[in-house]
Amino acid sequence: MTELLTGLSQEVVSGIALGCIYALVALGFTLIYRATEVVNFAQGELMMVGAYVNFFLVSRISANLGITGAWMYFIAFMGALLFAIIFGIILDLVINRPLRDQPVFSVIMATISISIILRALVAMIAGPFTHIQSSPFGDGVVSFNKIAISVQDVFIIFCAIVLVILFYIFFRKSRWGVAMQATSADPTAAQLMGIPVKKVYRLVWIFATLVATVGGILLAPKTLLDTNIGFIGLKAFPAAVLGGFGSVPGAIFGGVILGIIETISAGTLSYHFAWIKEINDVIPWLVLIAVLMVKPDGIFGIAKVKKV
């Protein structure tokens, strides 16, 4: 019994770290949806592109500049964030502005098209190879009461907490954060009040690209780096819906919950019930359906009442 509880505790901690990555991708879904009411199905591919850019920078900085250690990872990280900002501006110009007044379906199809194009471009540039991204923390492990936690997982959880706090402060205290909330509530009224709605939309896409890039950088050392990691967006999407689509706390909560469920199902449950392995990839969707049957708007979602 003690070994079972220790194993479950270990899986919960690993699940929280994985769930934090899901939460960051789900946060990108939420930010764009709150401002534009559009679901960006390219969010997973944005994470993949950010991970590849960081990997490329780490490799080039080490080979060409001779910089190694913490500085190499820091410079690559800042370079990847700079790329994310520029890429977010490009996406706003390519997707959001030309299609802003078009049917939502058209914008959704545009994001799906972008996801396919990005996957193909990365495959063409990087080749059909699988890369191993080294971790800046090596194989360091922290032990606590027989539970071993990798330093990488601790850092992932720490980064997610810091980002959530920064977003909360930004949305609640900053001028642009208030402008984003006003724009998401009523773009027309916000524009009449003098809020630069176009700049707000651009900022939203930049933030969505930034959180996706950070998620990709954190995920890469935990798994093999290839173009298929963009499919993690399909796992983060139910996390956003589970928490309540459009809710920032919901995106975080949904991501962490699904991360924990996935690690437990792949570990303890699969060990005791072999058939669980066969459905492990669809478990997030099964959980989503079960929750939506009870609470259709998600855990943190607010039901909208339509007057007729």
Protein backbone atom coordinates (compact mmCIF):
# COMPACT_ATOMS: atom_id res chain seq x y z
CA MET A 1 0.00 0.00 0.00
CA THR A 2 2.86 2.37 0.87
CA GLU A 3 4.55 1.67 -2.47
CA LEU A 4 1.28 2.35 -4.30
CA LEU A 5 0.84 5.72 -2.57
CA THR A 6 4.47 6.64 -3.24
CA GLY A 7 4.05 5.73 -6.90
CA LEU A 8 0.84 7.74 -7.17
CA SER A 9 2.50 10.73 -5.50
CA GLN A 10 5.38 10.49 -7.95
CA GLU A 11 2.97 10.40 -10.88
CA VAL A 12 0.95 13.33 -9.52
CA VAL A 13 4.08 15.50 -9.35
CA SER A 14 5.10 14.50 -12.89
CA GLY A 15 1.52 15.10 -13.99
CA ILE A 16 1.52 18.60 -12.54
CA ALA A 17 4.68 19.41 -14.53
CA LEU A 18 3.15 18.01 -17.74
CA GLY A 19 -0.15 19.73 -16.93
CA CYS A 20 1.64 23.07 -16.60
CA ILE A 21 2.78 22.72 -20.23
CA TYR A 22 -0.77 21.84 -21.27
CA ALA A 23 -1.93 24.86 -19.31
CA LEU A 24 0.43 27.22 -21.15
CA VAL A 25 -0.84 26.00 -24.53
CA ALA A 26 -4.44 26.17 -23.28
CA LEU A 27 -3.73 29.71 -22.08
CA GLY A 28 -2.87 30.65 -25.67
CA PHE A 29 -6.22 29.25 -26.82
CA THR A 30 -7.96 31.26 -24.11
CA LEU A 31 -6.21 34.58 -24.78
CA ILE A 32 -7.07 34.60 -28.47
CA TYR A 33 -10.62 33.39 -27.90
CA ARG A 34 -11.35 36.01 -25.24
CA ALA A 35 -10.23 38.84 -27.49
CA THR A 36 -11.43 37.64 -30.91
CA GLU A 37 -13.85 34.75 -30.19
CA VAL A 38 -11.72 32.62 -32.53
CA VAL A 39 -10.22 29.21 -31.70
CA ASN A 40 -6.59 29.15 -32.86
CA PHE A 41 -6.01 25.54 -33.89
CA ALA A 42 -2.39 26.40 -34.77
CA GLN A 43 -1.49 26.88 -31.10
CA GLY A 44 0.23 23.49 -30.85
CA GLU A 45 2.29 24.21 -33.96
CA LEU A 46 3.33 27.57 -32.50
CA MET A 47 4.68 25.63 -29.53
CA MET A 48 6.52 23.27 -31.90
CA VAL A 49 8.07 26.15 -33.86
CA GLY A 50 9.21 27.83 -30.64
CA ALA A 51 10.86 24.61 -29.46
CA TYR A 52 12.70 24.22 -32.79
CA VAL A 53 13.89 27.83 -32.79
CA ASN A 54 15.26 27.41 -29.26
CA PHE A 55 16.96 24.13 -30.23
CA PHE A 56 18.51 25.75 -33.32
CA LEU A 57 19.79 28.71 -31.29
CA VAL A 58 21.28 26.48 -28.58
CA SER A 59 23.10 24.44 -31.25
CA ARG A 60 24.38 27.48 -33.14
CA ILE A 61 25.46 29.42 -30.05
CA SER A 62 27.42 26.42 -28.80
CA ALA A 63 29.03 25.65 -32.17
CA ASN A 64 29.73 29.15 -33.55
CA LEU A 65 30.18 31.36 -30.49
CA GLY A 66 31.72 28.78 -28.20
CA ILE A 67 29.39 29.78 -25.35
CA THR A 68 28.32 26.90 -23.12
CA GLY A 69 26.52 26.42 -19.82
CA ALA A 70 23.78 28.61 -18.42
CA TRP A 71 24.57 31.59 -20.68
CA MET A 72 24.02 29.48 -23.79
CA TYR A 73 20.52 28.50 -22.68
CA PHE A 74 19.69 32.02 -21.51
CA ILE A 75 20.72 33.64 -24.81
CA ALA A 76 18.80 31.00 -26.78
CA PHE A 77 15.75 31.48 -24.58
CA MET A 78 15.74 35.25 -25.08
CA GLY A 79 16.27 34.79 -28.80
CA ALA A 80 13.31 32.40 -29.00
CA LEU A 81 11.13 34.92 -27.15
CA LEU A 82 12.18 37.68 -29.57
CA PHE A 83 11.28 35.40 -32.48
CA ALA A 84 7.89 34.68 -30.83
CA ILE A 85 7.13 38.41 -30.62
CA ILE A 86 7.93 38.94 -34.30
CA PHE A 87 6.02 35.81 -35.30
CA GLY A 88 2.99 36.93 -33.28
CA ILE A 89 2.96 40.25 -35.15
CA ILE A 90 3.16 38.40 -38.49
CA LEU A 91 0.26 36.11 -37.54
CA ASP A 92 -1.83 39.12 -36.59
CA LEU A 93 -1.14 40.67 -40.00
CA VAL A 94 -1.72 37.43 -41.92
CA ILE A 95 -4.72 35.95 -40.08
CA ASN A 96 -6.42 38.42 -37.80
CA ARG A 97 -6.53 41.67 -39.75
CA PRO A 98 -7.60 40.38 -43.20
CA LEU A 99 -10.24 38.08 -41.70
CA ARG A 100 -11.44 40.15 -38.74
CA ASP A 101 -14.93 40.88 -40.11
CA GLN A 102 -15.29 37.55 -41.86
CA PRO A 103 -17.27 34.55 -40.56
CA VAL A 104 -15.63 32.79 -37.60
CA PHE A 105 -15.49 29.58 -39.63
CA SER A 106 -13.19 31.25 -42.17
CA VAL A 107 -10.75 32.33 -39.45
CA ILE A 108 -10.76 28.85 -37.88
CA MET A 109 -9.99 27.28 -41.26
CA ALA A 110 -7.16 29.79 -41.67
CA THR A 111 -5.61 28.72 -38.35
CA ILE A 112 -5.90 25.05 -39.35
CA SER A 113 -4.19 25.89 -42.65
CA ILE A 114 -1.42 27.74 -40.81
CA SER A 115 -0.87 24.71 -38.55
CA ILE A 116 -0.43 22.40 -41.56
CA ILE A 117 1.86 24.88 -43.33
CA LEU A 118 4.05 25.34 -40.23
CA ARG A 119 4.40 21.58 -39.75
CA ALA A 120 5.42 21.16 -43.39
CA LEU A 121 7.87 24.09 -43.34
CA VAL A 122 9.61 22.87 -40.18
CA ALA A 123 9.87 19.37 -41.68
CA MET A 124 11.42 20.85 -44.85
CA ILE A 125 13.91 23.05 -42.97
CA ALA A 126 14.87 20.75 -40.08
CA GLY A 127 14.47 17.49 -41.99
CA PRO A 128 12.63 14.33 -40.97
CA PHE A 129 14.86 13.79 -37.97
CA THR A 130 14.17 13.45 -34.28
CA HIS A 131 16.29 15.67 -32.06
CA ILE A 132 17.18 15.42 -28.40
CA GLN A 133 17.07 18.75 -26.60
CA SER A 134 19.44 18.82 -23.64
CA SER A 135 18.17 20.25 -20.38
CA PRO A 136 19.98 23.18 -18.75
CA PHE A 137 19.58 21.30 -15.45
CA GLY A 138 21.03 18.01 -16.62
CA ASP A 139 19.69 14.95 -14.83
CA GLY A 140 19.41 16.62 -11.44
CA VAL A 141 16.83 15.18 -9.05
CA VAL A 142 15.35 16.50 -5.81
CA SER A 143 14.15 13.88 -3.32
CA PHE A 144 11.40 14.54 -0.81
CA ASN A 145 10.00 11.80 1.41
CA LYS A 146 10.87 9.01 -1.09
CA ILE A 147 9.46 11.05 -3.99
CA ALA A 148 12.06 11.93 -6.63
CA ILE A 149 11.35 15.11 -8.57
CA SER A 150 13.57 16.13 -11.47
CA VAL A 151 14.93 19.65 -11.33
CA GLN A 152 13.48 20.10 -14.83
CA ASP A 153 9.95 19.41 -13.52
CA VAL A 154 10.49 21.80 -10.61
CA PHE A 155 11.55 24.50 -13.07
CA ILE A 156 8.53 23.83 -15.31
CA ILE A 157 6.14 24.23 -12.37
CA PHE A 158 7.99 27.35 -11.19
CA CYS A 159 7.87 28.95 -14.67
CA ALA A 160 4.16 28.23 -15.01
CA ILE A 161 3.43 29.82 -11.63
CA VAL A 162 5.51 32.89 -12.47
CA LEU A 163 3.79 33.31 -15.85
CA VAL A 164 0.33 33.01 -14.31
CA ILE A 165 1.22 35.64 -11.68
CA LEU A 166 2.61 37.98 -14.35
CA PHE A 167 -0.50 37.57 -16.49
CA TYR A 168 -2.73 38.23 -13.49
CA ILE A 169 -0.84 41.42 -12.63
CA PHE A 170 -0.85 42.51 -16.27
CA PHE A 171 -4.59 41.98 -16.76
CA ARG A 172 -5.58 43.55 -13.44
CA LYS A 173 -3.12 46.39 -13.00
CA SER A 174 -1.78 47.52 -16.38
CA ARG A 175 -3.45 49.89 -18.82
CA TRP A 176 -3.12 47.43 -21.71
CA GLY A 177 -4.48 44.60 -19.61
CA VAL A 178 -7.62 46.58 -18.84
CA ALA A 179 -7.86 47.49 -22.54
CA MET A 180 -7.70 43.79 -23.46
CA GLN A 181 -10.51 42.99 -21.01
CA ALA A 182 -12.64 45.80 -22.40
CA THR A 183 -11.99 44.69 -25.98
CA SER A 184 -12.92 41.09 -25.19
CA ALA A 185 -16.16 42.25 -23.55
CA ASP A 186 -17.29 44.55 -26.39
CA PRO A 187 -14.86 45.52 -29.19
CA THR A 188 -17.18 48.17 -30.65
CA ALA A 189 -17.74 49.92 -27.32
CA ALA A 190 -14.01 49.71 -26.55
CA GLN A 191 -13.18 51.38 -29.86
CA LEU A 192 -15.71 54.14 -29.21
CA MET A 193 -14.03 54.75 -25.85
CA GLY A 194 -10.70 55.37 -27.61
CA ILE A 195 -9.08 51.98 -27.05
CA PRO A 196 -6.76 51.03 -29.97
CA VAL A 197 -8.45 47.72 -30.74
CA LYS A 198 -6.01 46.81 -33.54
CA LYS A 199 -3.04 47.12 -31.18
CA VAL A 200 -4.89 45.09 -28.55
CA TYR A 201 -5.48 42.26 -31.04
CA ARG A 202 -1.81 42.35 -32.03
CA LEU A 203 -0.79 42.16 -28.36
CA VAL A 204 -3.07 39.15 -27.85
CA TRP A 205 -1.44 37.24 -30.70
CA ILE A 206 2.01 38.13 -29.37
CA PHE A 207 1.10 36.81 -25.92
CA ALA A 208 -0.38 33.62 -27.38
CA THR A 209 2.81 33.01 -29.35
CA LEU A 210 4.98 33.76 -26.32
CA VAL A 211 3.23 31.28 -24.01
CA ALA A 212 3.30 28.65 -26.77
CA THR A 213 7.04 29.18 -27.23
CA VAL A 214 7.72 28.92 -23.51
CA GLY A 215 5.65 25.73 -23.40
CA GLY A 216 7.64 24.27 -26.30
CA ILE A 217 10.98 25.15 -24.68
CA LEU A 218 9.91 23.51 -21.41
CA LEU A 219 8.50 20.43 -23.14
CA ALA A 220 11.44 19.71 -25.49
CA PRO A 221 13.85 18.30 -22.84
CA LYS A 222 11.09 16.01 -21.52
CA THR A 223 10.41 14.38 -24.89
CA LEU A 224 11.93 13.88 -28.30
CA LEU A 225 11.79 16.95 -30.51
CA ASP A 226 10.05 16.41 -33.83
CA THR A 227 7.26 18.01 -35.82
CA ASN A 228 4.67 15.79 -34.17
CA ILE A 229 4.91 17.51 -30.78
CA GLY A 230 2.58 20.13 -32.23
CA PHE A 231 -0.21 17.61 -31.76
CA ILE A 232 -0.02 18.37 -28.04
CA GLY A 233 -2.33 21.24 -28.94
CA LEU A 234 -5.06 18.61 -29.38
CA LYS A 235 -4.51 17.65 -25.73
CA ALA A 236 -4.38 21.23 -24.51
CA PHE A 237 -7.62 22.08 -26.29
CA PRO A 238 -9.77 19.82 -24.05
CA ALA A 239 -7.92 21.34 -21.08
CA ALA A 240 -9.13 24.80 -22.13
CA VAL A 241 -12.69 23.54 -22.65
CA LEU A 242 -12.63 21.55 -19.41
CA GLY A 243 -11.74 24.60 -17.35
CA GLY A 244 -14.20 26.81 -19.20
CA PHE A 245 -13.25 28.19 -22.59
CA GLY A 246 -12.26 31.83 -22.21
CA SER A 247 -11.33 31.49 -18.54
CA VAL A 248 -7.65 32.00 -17.66
CA PRO A 249 -7.92 30.15 -14.29
CA GLY A 250 -9.89 27.47 -16.11
CA ALA A 251 -7.08 26.95 -18.64
CA ILE A 252 -4.55 26.49 -15.84
CA PHE A 253 -6.79 24.20 -13.80
CA GLY A 254 -7.85 22.12 -16.81
CA GLY A 255 -4.26 21.66 -17.98
CA VAL A 256 -3.02 20.51 -14.57
CA ILE A 257 -5.96 18.13 -14.07
CA LEU A 258 -5.50 16.50 -17.49
CA GLY A 259 -1.75 16.23 -16.95
CA ILE A 260 -2.27 14.38 -13.67
CA ILE A 261 -4.92 12.10 -15.18
CA GLU A 262 -2.67 11.27 -18.13
CA THR A 263 0.38 10.34 -16.04
CA ILE A 264 -1.67 8.23 -13.61
CA SER A 265 -3.44 6.42 -16.45
CA ALA A 266 -0.11 5.79 -18.24
CA GLY A 267 1.50 4.59 -15.01
CA THR A 268 -0.43 2.98 -12.17
CA LEU A 269 -3.68 2.35 -14.02
CA SER A 270 -1.94 0.86 -17.07
CA TYR A 271 0.10 -1.39 -14.77
CA HIS A 272 -2.98 -2.81 -13.06
CA PHE A 273 -5.29 -2.66 -16.11
CA ALA A 274 -3.44 -3.43 -19.34
CA TRP A 275 -6.32 -2.26 -21.55
CA ILE A 276 -5.87 1.32 -20.28
CA LYS A 277 -2.75 1.60 -22.47
CA GLU A 278 -4.89 1.23 -25.57
CA ILE A 279 -7.09 4.22 -24.75
CA ASN A 280 -4.56 6.44 -23.00
CA ASP A 281 -4.57 9.01 -25.82
CA VAL A 282 -8.34 9.42 -25.71
CA ILE A 283 -8.66 9.64 -21.92
CA PRO A 284 -8.50 13.49 -21.93
CA TRP A 285 -11.44 13.52 -24.33
CA LEU A 286 -13.38 11.00 -22.24
CA VAL A 287 -12.84 13.16 -19.15
CA LEU A 288 -13.92 16.23 -21.12
CA ILE A 289 -17.15 14.58 -22.25
CA ALA A 290 -17.91 13.39 -18.71
CA VAL A 291 -17.41 16.89 -17.25
CA LEU A 292 -19.38 18.65 -20.00
CA MET A 293 -22.32 16.31 -19.42
CA VAL A 294 -22.51 17.68 -15.88
CA LYS A 295 -21.30 21.26 -16.51
CA PRO A 296 -21.58 22.18 -20.20
CA ASP A 297 -19.75 25.51 -19.79
CA GLY A 298 -16.73 23.94 -18.10
CA ILE A 299 -15.64 24.06 -14.49
CA PHE A 300 -14.94 27.81 -14.42
CA GLY A 301 -17.18 28.72 -17.33
CA ILE A 302 -20.11 31.09 -16.98
CA ALA A 303 -23.35 30.20 -18.69
CA LYS A 304 -24.53 32.80 -21.20
CA VAL A 305 -28.20 33.65 -21.15
CA LYS A 306 -29.77 34.65 -24.45
CA LYS A 307 -32.87 36.80 -24.40
CA VAL A 308 -35.56 35.90 -26.89
